[in-house]
Amino acid sequence: MILGGILALIAGAGVGLQNIFNRHLNEHVSSWMATTFVLLTGSIASLLIGLLVDGPAIFDVSGMKLSYWLFGLIGIGIIYCMMQAMKQLGPTKAVLIAVIAQLTSSLVFDLTGFLVLPQMNLKWEDILGIMLMIAGVLIFNMKKKDISKT
């Protein structure tokens, strides 16, 4: 459990860093080229690390459903949307909103058993947690009053 928490923290920090990298990359090339570059470099790195760790066993896709081949398309949409959101909102606001959307949709998926997930029951803590996060983003986005003008 502790290792899972540590790995989640590392992944979260990595997502924040990756989003900033994507934003800078997007300043020099088109959004589609930036998306291609990110996915291509990530795919090459993943392939090389997979070969080092698991060897040729990484190529065994015999148990994989055909529909899973399409799930990579979601990654294209995620990267493109995040780069566009960062242009409009900046990294912090874009990531905050994305995290809330991720947690909310994950909660809905858990509650409905979407894509054959084990169905979970809704608890008041779940609703309270989502509401607190949304309130936090609203507070974070409040404009500070300039007290020097009064």
C-alpha atoms as a PDB file:
ATOM      1  CA  MET A   1       0.000   0.000   0.000  1.00  0.00           C
ATOM      2  CA  ILE A   2       2.810   2.428   0.845  1.00  0.00           C
ATOM      3  CA  LEU A   3       4.637   1.575  -2.377  1.00  0.00           C
ATOM      4  CA  GLY A   4       1.427   2.206  -4.350  1.00  0.00           C
ATOM      5  CA  GLY A   5       1.064   5.630  -2.732  1.00  0.00           C
ATOM      6  CA  ILE A   6       4.679   6.518  -3.463  1.00  0.00           C
ATOM      7  CA  LEU A   7       4.337   5.409  -7.075  1.00  0.00           C
ATOM      8  CA  ALA A   8       1.119   7.441  -7.436  1.00  0.00           C
ATOM      9  CA  LEU A   9       2.914  10.532  -6.065  1.00  0.00           C
ATOM     10  CA  ILE A  10       5.780  10.032  -8.505  1.00  0.00           C
ATOM     11  CA  ALA A  11       3.319   9.565 -11.378  1.00  0.00           C
ATOM     12  CA  GLY A  12       1.398  12.699 -10.391  1.00  0.00           C
ATOM     13  CA  ALA A  13       4.565  14.772 -10.245  1.00  0.00           C
ATOM     14  CA  GLY A  14       5.610  13.290 -13.577  1.00  0.00           C
ATOM     15  CA  VAL A  15       2.288  14.241 -15.180  1.00  0.00           C
ATOM     16  CA  GLY A  16       2.733  17.821 -13.978  1.00  0.00           C
ATOM     17  CA  LEU A  17       6.258  17.917 -15.382  1.00  0.00           C
ATOM     18  CA  GLN A  18       5.205  16.259 -18.645  1.00  0.00           C
ATOM     19  CA  ASN A  19       2.413  18.777 -19.124  1.00  0.00           C
ATOM     20  CA  ILE A  20       4.836  21.678 -18.752  1.00  0.00           C
ATOM     21  CA  PHE A  21       7.203  20.014 -21.235  1.00  0.00           C
ATOM     22  CA  ASN A  22       4.287  19.529 -23.646  1.00  0.00           C
ATOM     23  CA  ARG A  23       3.344  23.193 -23.334  1.00  0.00           C
ATOM     24  CA  HIS A  24       6.881  24.348 -24.167  1.00  0.00           C
ATOM     25  CA  LEU A  25       7.105  21.884 -27.036  1.00  0.00           C
ATOM     26  CA  ASN A  26       3.800  23.188 -28.355  1.00  0.00           C
ATOM     27  CA  GLU A  27       5.273  26.712 -28.542  1.00  0.00           C
ATOM     28  CA  HIS A  28       7.754  25.543 -31.197  1.00  0.00           C
ATOM     29  CA  VAL A  29       5.742  23.083 -33.268  1.00  0.00           C
ATOM     30  CA  SER A  30       2.075  22.484 -34.006  1.00  0.00           C
ATOM     31  CA  SER A  31      -0.077  20.732 -31.419  1.00  0.00           C
ATOM     32  CA  TRP A  32      -0.332  17.661 -33.624  1.00  0.00           C
ATOM     33  CA  MET A  33       3.431  17.479 -34.125  1.00  0.00           C
ATOM     34  CA  ALA A  34       3.935  17.882 -30.366  1.00  0.00           C
ATOM     35  CA  THR A  35       1.446  15.073 -29.712  1.00  0.00           C
ATOM     36  CA  THR A  36       3.216  12.867 -32.257  1.00  0.00           C
ATOM     37  CA  PHE A  37       6.609  13.630 -30.736  1.00  0.00           C
ATOM     38  CA  VAL A  38       5.453  12.874 -27.181  1.00  0.00           C
ATOM     39  CA  LEU A  39       3.770   9.608 -28.140  1.00  0.00           C
ATOM     40  CA  LEU A  40       6.625   8.512 -30.410  1.00  0.00           C
ATOM     41  CA  THR A  41       9.385   9.163 -27.887  1.00  0.00           C
ATOM     42  CA  GLY A  42       7.290   7.550 -25.159  1.00  0.00           C
ATOM     43  CA  SER A  43       6.645   4.501 -27.332  1.00  0.00           C
ATOM     44  CA  ILE A  44      10.324   4.075 -28.191  1.00  0.00           C
ATOM     45  CA  ALA A  45      11.363   4.448 -24.537  1.00  0.00           C
ATOM     46  CA  SER A  46       8.644   2.036 -23.409  1.00  0.00           C
ATOM     47  CA  LEU A  47       9.710  -0.524 -26.014  1.00  0.00           C
ATOM     48  CA  LEU A  48      13.381  -0.319 -25.013  1.00  0.00           C
ATOM     49  CA  ILE A  49      12.680  -0.487 -21.260  1.00  0.00           C
ATOM     50  CA  GLY A  50      10.194  -3.323 -21.814  1.00  0.00           C
ATOM     51  CA  LEU A  51      12.808  -5.283 -23.760  1.00  0.00           C
ATOM     52  CA  LEU A  52      15.353  -4.717 -20.993  1.00  0.00           C
ATOM     53  CA  VAL A  53      12.976  -5.740 -18.213  1.00  0.00           C
ATOM     54  CA  ASP A  54      10.835  -8.491 -19.800  1.00  0.00           C
ATOM     55  CA  GLY A  55      12.737  -9.436 -22.928  1.00  0.00           C
ATOM     56  CA  PRO A  56      10.885 -10.663 -26.003  1.00  0.00           C
ATOM     57  CA  ALA A  57       7.867 -11.632 -23.853  1.00  0.00           C
ATOM     58  CA  ILE A  58       6.584  -8.063 -24.315  1.00  0.00           C
ATOM     59  CA  PHE A  59       5.551  -9.030 -27.841  1.00  0.00           C
ATOM     60  CA  ASP A  60       3.107 -11.707 -26.643  1.00  0.00           C
ATOM     61  CA  VAL A  61      -0.276 -10.124 -27.271  1.00  0.00           C
ATOM     62  CA  SER A  62      -2.172 -13.380 -27.722  1.00  0.00           C
ATOM     63  CA  GLY A  63      -4.564 -12.709 -24.824  1.00  0.00           C
ATOM     64  CA  MET A  64      -5.356  -9.143 -25.813  1.00  0.00           C
ATOM     65  CA  LYS A  65      -8.807  -8.223 -27.109  1.00  0.00           C
ATOM     66  CA  LEU A  66      -9.010  -6.471 -30.463  1.00  0.00           C
ATOM     67  CA  SER A  67     -10.707  -3.424 -28.901  1.00  0.00           C
ATOM     68  CA  TYR A  68      -7.624  -2.779 -26.723  1.00  0.00           C
ATOM     69  CA  TRP A  69      -5.675  -1.809 -29.817  1.00  0.00           C
ATOM     70  CA  LEU A  70      -7.867   1.299 -30.104  1.00  0.00           C
ATOM     71  CA  PHE A  71      -7.327   2.535 -26.543  1.00  0.00           C
ATOM     72  CA  GLY A  72      -4.098   4.285 -27.546  1.00  0.00           C
ATOM     73  CA  LEU A  73      -6.267   6.710 -29.480  1.00  0.00           C
ATOM     74  CA  ILE A  74      -7.514   8.020 -26.146  1.00  0.00           C
ATOM     75  CA  GLY A  75      -3.928   9.017 -25.322  1.00  0.00           C
ATOM     76  CA  ILE A  76      -3.803  11.175 -28.434  1.00  0.00           C
ATOM     77  CA  GLY A  77      -6.891  13.032 -27.293  1.00  0.00           C
ATOM     78  CA  ILE A  78      -5.582  13.427 -23.749  1.00  0.00           C
ATOM     79  CA  ILE A  79      -2.260  14.922 -24.807  1.00  0.00           C
ATOM     80  CA  TYR A  80      -3.827  17.226 -27.384  1.00  0.00           C
ATOM     81  CA  CYS A  81      -6.551  18.451 -25.007  1.00  0.00           C
ATOM     82  CA  MET A  82      -4.075  19.075 -22.178  1.00  0.00           C
ATOM     83  CA  MET A  83      -1.779  21.108 -24.428  1.00  0.00           C
ATOM     84  CA  GLN A  84      -4.714  23.217 -25.588  1.00  0.00           C
ATOM     85  CA  ALA A  85      -6.010  23.625 -22.017  1.00  0.00           C
ATOM     86  CA  MET A  86      -2.576  24.771 -20.851  1.00  0.00           C
ATOM     87  CA  LYS A  87      -2.479  27.400 -23.581  1.00  0.00           C
ATOM     88  CA  GLN A  88      -5.816  28.744 -22.360  1.00  0.00           C
ATOM     89  CA  LEU A  89      -5.528  28.254 -18.582  1.00  0.00           C
ATOM     90  CA  GLY A  90      -1.879  27.713 -17.704  1.00  0.00           C
ATOM     91  CA  PRO A  91      -0.402  24.500 -16.268  1.00  0.00           C
ATOM     92  CA  THR A  92      -1.761  24.659 -12.721  1.00  0.00           C
ATOM     93  CA  LYS A  93      -5.388  25.343 -13.566  1.00  0.00           C
ATOM     94  CA  ALA A  94      -5.396  22.871 -16.454  1.00  0.00           C
ATOM     95  CA  VAL A  95      -3.984  20.078 -14.294  1.00  0.00           C
ATOM     96  CA  LEU A  96      -6.346  20.881 -11.398  1.00  0.00           C
ATOM     97  CA  ILE A  97      -9.381  20.663 -13.639  1.00  0.00           C
ATOM     98  CA  ALA A  98      -8.044  17.523 -15.346  1.00  0.00           C
ATOM     99  CA  VAL A  99      -7.470  15.804 -11.994  1.00  0.00           C
ATOM    100  CA  ILE A 100     -11.005  16.613 -10.859  1.00  0.00           C
ATOM    101  CA  ALA A 101     -12.393  15.312 -14.151  1.00  0.00           C
ATOM    102  CA  GLN A 102     -10.253  12.169 -13.825  1.00  0.00           C
ATOM    103  CA  LEU A 103     -11.395  11.481 -10.271  1.00  0.00           C
ATOM    104  CA  THR A 104     -15.041  12.220 -11.038  1.00  0.00           C
ATOM    105  CA  SER A 105     -15.108  10.013 -14.115  1.00  0.00           C
ATOM    106  CA  SER A 106     -13.243   7.249 -12.269  1.00  0.00           C
ATOM    107  CA  LEU A 107     -15.848   7.417  -9.519  1.00  0.00           C
ATOM    108  CA  VAL A 108     -18.646   7.147 -12.082  1.00  0.00           C
ATOM    109  CA  PHE A 109     -16.861   4.216 -13.745  1.00  0.00           C
ATOM    110  CA  ASP A 110     -16.468   2.473 -10.370  1.00  0.00           C
ATOM    111  CA  LEU A 111     -20.115   3.052  -9.484  1.00  0.00           C
ATOM    112  CA  THR A 112     -21.451   1.796 -12.809  1.00  0.00           C
ATOM    113  CA  GLY A 113     -19.011  -1.057 -13.355  1.00  0.00           C
ATOM    114  CA  PHE A 114     -18.017   0.528 -16.680  1.00  0.00           C
ATOM    115  CA  LEU A 115     -15.927  -1.745 -18.940  1.00  0.00           C
ATOM    116  CA  VAL A 116     -16.430  -4.686 -16.561  1.00  0.00           C
ATOM    117  CA  LEU A 117     -14.942  -2.968 -13.507  1.00  0.00           C
ATOM    118  CA  PRO A 118     -16.110  -4.328 -10.174  1.00  0.00           C
ATOM    119  CA  GLN A 119     -19.103  -2.172  -9.222  1.00  0.00           C
ATOM    120  CA  MET A 120     -18.685  -0.160  -6.031  1.00  0.00           C
ATOM    121  CA  ASN A 121     -21.236   1.503  -3.783  1.00  0.00           C
ATOM    122  CA  LEU A 122     -21.419   5.284  -3.502  1.00  0.00           C
ATOM    123  CA  LYS A 123     -20.461   6.640  -0.097  1.00  0.00           C
ATOM    124  CA  TRP A 124     -21.097  10.142   1.205  1.00  0.00           C
ATOM    125  CA  GLU A 125     -17.318  10.569   1.514  1.00  0.00           C
ATOM    126  CA  ASP A 126     -16.999  10.161  -2.254  1.00  0.00           C
ATOM    127  CA  ILE A 127     -19.457  12.965  -2.950  1.00  0.00           C
ATOM    128  CA  LEU A 128     -17.921  15.173  -0.256  1.00  0.00           C
ATOM    129  CA  GLY A 129     -14.430  14.614  -1.676  1.00  0.00           C
ATOM    130  CA  ILE A 130     -15.469  15.628  -5.197  1.00  0.00           C
ATOM    131  CA  MET A 131     -17.319  18.686  -3.856  1.00  0.00           C
ATOM    132  CA  LEU A 132     -14.287  19.755  -1.802  1.00  0.00           C
ATOM    133  CA  MET A 133     -12.017  19.460  -4.834  1.00  0.00           C
ATOM    134  CA  ILE A 134     -14.370  21.548  -6.952  1.00  0.00           C
ATOM    135  CA  ALA A 135     -14.610  24.130  -4.167  1.00  0.00           C
ATOM    136  CA  GLY A 136     -10.809  24.164  -3.994  1.00  0.00           C
ATOM    137  CA  VAL A 137     -10.512  24.922  -7.697  1.00  0.00           C
ATOM    138  CA  LEU A 138     -13.105  27.680  -7.407  1.00  0.00           C
ATOM    139  CA  ILE A 139     -11.209  29.208  -4.478  1.00  0.00           C
ATOM    140  CA  PHE A 140      -7.902  28.824  -6.337  1.00  0.00           C
ATOM    141  CA  ASN A 141      -9.361  30.651  -9.342  1.00  0.00           C
ATOM    142  CA  MET A 142     -10.850  33.561  -7.380  1.00  0.00           C
ATOM    143  CA  LYS A 143      -9.312  36.853  -8.391  1.00  0.00           C
ATOM    144  CA  LYS A 144      -7.530  38.621  -5.586  1.00  0.00           C
ATOM    145  CA  LYS A 145      -8.850  42.076  -4.890  1.00  0.00           C
ATOM    146  CA  ASP A 146      -6.292  44.799  -5.331  1.00  0.00           C
ATOM    147  CA  ILE A 147      -6.371  46.477  -1.912  1.00  0.00           C
ATOM    148  CA  SER A 148      -3.963  49.223  -3.005  1.00  0.00           C
ATOM    149  CA  LYS A 149      -6.789  50.891  -4.981  1.00  0.00           C
ATOM    150  CA  THR A 150      -9.004  51.396  -1.926  1.00  0.00           C
END
